[in-house]
């Protein structure tokens, strides 16, 4: 399970103290406290100045469709896909929407990768949309 965390920390830029806020995804956590702890460990490892985890929540992203393939594919996108199926009891078509993460260079590249991912599915899938996130990195 992925958790979405926000880390606030102080930074010294050109002799001026400024506050920075960054967003991260924490993977393979079961509890909010575990995601928060890993966020503090990450901030400590990279020597953030007075870090504070200001938000911890479950991410809508269920999985990633790809790994980072190159240095220019570091932007993280959130794509929404709908699994289309027939309800056996009513015979009506139903949709189950879910989010997947995509590493890509730009919006067009992300959309292309999502369509490639959807071709692998055994059920009918429908692409709903994709948007760029503010997520800096996956911890």
Protein backbone atom coordinates (compact mmCIF):
# COMPACT_ATOMS: atom_id res chain seq x y z
CA UNK A 1 0.00 0.00 0.00
CA UNK A 2 1.21 3.50 -0.79
CA UNK A 3 0.95 6.44 1.59
CA UNK A 4 1.15 10.07 0.54
CA UNK A 5 3.17 12.23 2.96
CA UNK A 6 4.11 15.90 3.05
CA UNK A 7 7.38 16.99 4.64
CA UNK A 8 8.01 20.58 5.68
CA UNK A 9 11.58 21.61 6.44
CA UNK A 10 13.84 24.65 6.62
CA UNK A 11 16.30 25.43 3.88
CA UNK A 12 19.02 28.04 3.59
CA UNK A 13 19.02 29.53 0.11
CA UNK A 14 21.46 32.36 -0.59
CA UNK A 15 21.71 33.19 3.11
CA UNK A 16 17.93 33.35 3.61
CA UNK A 17 16.03 30.77 5.66
CA UNK A 18 12.98 29.55 3.78
CA UNK A 19 10.43 26.86 4.51
CA UNK A 20 10.03 24.11 1.90
CA UNK A 21 7.17 21.66 1.51
CA UNK A 22 7.59 18.49 -0.53
CA UNK A 23 5.36 15.51 -1.24
CA UNK A 24 6.50 11.88 -1.24
CA UNK A 25 4.99 8.44 -1.65
CA UNK A 26 5.93 5.81 0.90
CA UNK A 27 5.57 2.25 -0.38
CA UNK A 28 4.95 -1.04 1.40
CA UNK A 29 3.44 0.39 4.58
CA UNK A 30 0.48 -0.97 6.49
CA UNK A 31 -0.05 1.85 8.99
CA UNK A 32 -0.04 5.65 8.97
CA UNK A 33 2.53 5.65 11.79
CA UNK A 34 4.86 3.44 9.75
CA UNK A 35 4.68 5.85 6.79
CA UNK A 36 5.33 8.80 9.11
CA UNK A 37 8.34 7.04 10.68
CA UNK A 38 9.83 6.26 7.25
CA UNK A 39 9.33 9.90 6.27
CA UNK A 40 11.31 11.05 9.31
CA UNK A 41 14.03 8.47 8.58
CA UNK A 42 14.26 9.74 4.99
CA UNK A 43 14.46 13.37 6.17
CA UNK A 44 17.17 12.44 8.67
CA UNK A 45 19.16 10.52 6.05
CA UNK A 46 19.14 13.51 3.69
CA UNK A 47 19.75 15.95 6.57
CA UNK A 48 16.62 18.07 6.20
CA UNK A 49 16.72 21.02 8.59
CA UNK A 50 14.01 20.65 11.27
CA UNK A 51 11.74 18.30 9.30
CA UNK A 52 8.07 17.96 10.14
CA UNK A 53 5.63 15.48 8.60
CA UNK A 54 2.59 17.69 8.08
CA UNK A 55 0.30 15.16 6.38
CA UNK A 56 -0.03 11.40 6.09
CA UNK A 57 -2.82 9.75 4.10
CA UNK A 58 -3.42 6.66 2.04
CA UNK A 59 -2.63 7.29 -1.59
CA UNK A 60 -5.19 6.65 -4.30
CA UNK A 61 -2.40 5.05 -6.36
CA UNK A 62 -2.68 1.25 -6.21
CA UNK A 63 0.38 0.38 -8.27
CA UNK A 64 2.89 1.73 -10.77
CA UNK A 65 2.73 0.72 -14.42
CA UNK A 66 6.48 1.14 -14.92
CA UNK A 67 9.81 1.73 -13.23
CA UNK A 68 11.97 4.79 -13.82
CA UNK A 69 13.56 3.94 -17.17
CA UNK A 70 15.77 6.98 -17.71
CA UNK A 71 16.78 10.25 -16.10
CA UNK A 72 14.21 12.22 -18.10
CA UNK A 73 11.30 10.00 -16.94
CA UNK A 74 11.25 11.23 -13.36
CA UNK A 75 7.90 13.03 -13.30
CA UNK A 76 5.23 11.02 -11.52
CA UNK A 77 1.74 11.03 -13.05
CA UNK A 78 -1.52 9.75 -11.59
CA UNK A 79 -3.73 8.00 -14.14
CA UNK A 80 -7.32 6.91 -13.60
CA UNK A 81 -8.50 3.72 -15.27
CA UNK A 82 -11.89 2.04 -15.14
CA UNK A 83 -12.30 -1.72 -15.26
CA UNK A 84 -15.53 -2.38 -17.15
CA UNK A 85 -17.42 -5.57 -16.29
CA UNK A 86 -20.93 -7.03 -16.42
CA UNK A 87 -22.70 -7.49 -13.10
CA UNK A 88 -23.78 -11.15 -13.11
CA UNK A 89 -26.90 -10.54 -11.00
CA UNK A 90 -28.33 -7.56 -12.88
CA UNK A 91 -26.68 -8.02 -16.29
CA UNK A 92 -25.75 -4.33 -16.32
CA UNK A 93 -22.37 -2.93 -17.22
CA UNK A 94 -20.43 -1.61 -14.20
CA UNK A 95 -17.16 0.27 -13.77
CA UNK A 96 -14.57 0.06 -11.04
CA UNK A 97 -12.22 3.06 -11.12
CA UNK A 98 -8.69 2.99 -9.76
CA UNK A 99 -5.48 5.01 -9.87
CA UNK A 100 -2.10 3.90 -11.18
CA UNK A 101 1.20 5.75 -11.05
CA UNK A 102 3.32 6.38 -14.14
CA UNK A 103 6.89 7.61 -14.51
CA UNK A 104 7.13 9.64 -17.72
CA UNK A 105 8.76 12.62 -19.46
CA UNK A 106 5.52 14.46 -20.17
CA UNK A 107 1.74 14.07 -20.30
CA UNK A 108 1.71 12.47 -23.76
CA UNK A 109 4.35 9.94 -22.73
CA UNK A 110 2.36 9.11 -19.57
CA UNK A 111 -0.84 8.61 -21.57
CA UNK A 112 0.96 6.34 -24.03
CA UNK A 113 2.35 4.21 -21.18
CA UNK A 114 -1.08 3.86 -19.59
CA UNK A 115 -2.57 2.65 -22.89
CA UNK A 116 0.27 0.09 -23.17
CA UNK A 117 -0.50 -1.05 -19.62
CA UNK A 118 -4.21 -1.38 -20.40
CA UNK A 119 -3.47 -3.72 -23.34
CA UNK A 120 -2.13 -6.27 -20.85
CA UNK A 121 -5.43 -6.47 -18.98
CA UNK A 122 -7.73 -9.45 -19.30
CA UNK A 123 -10.85 -7.32 -18.85
CA UNK A 124 -12.17 -4.34 -20.73
CA UNK A 125 -10.53 -1.16 -19.46
CA UNK A 126 -11.30 2.46 -20.14
CA UNK A 127 -8.85 5.35 -19.81
CA UNK A 128 -10.36 8.22 -17.85
CA UNK A 129 -7.52 10.69 -17.41
CA UNK A 130 -4.01 11.50 -16.27
CA UNK A 131 -2.54 14.37 -14.26
CA UNK A 132 0.90 15.39 -13.11
CA UNK A 133 1.54 15.08 -9.39
CA UNK A 134 3.76 17.11 -7.06
CA UNK A 135 5.34 13.93 -5.71
CA UNK A 136 9.12 14.29 -5.58
CA UNK A 137 10.11 10.68 -4.95
CA UNK A 138 9.04 7.27 -3.70
CA UNK A 139 10.49 6.29 -0.35
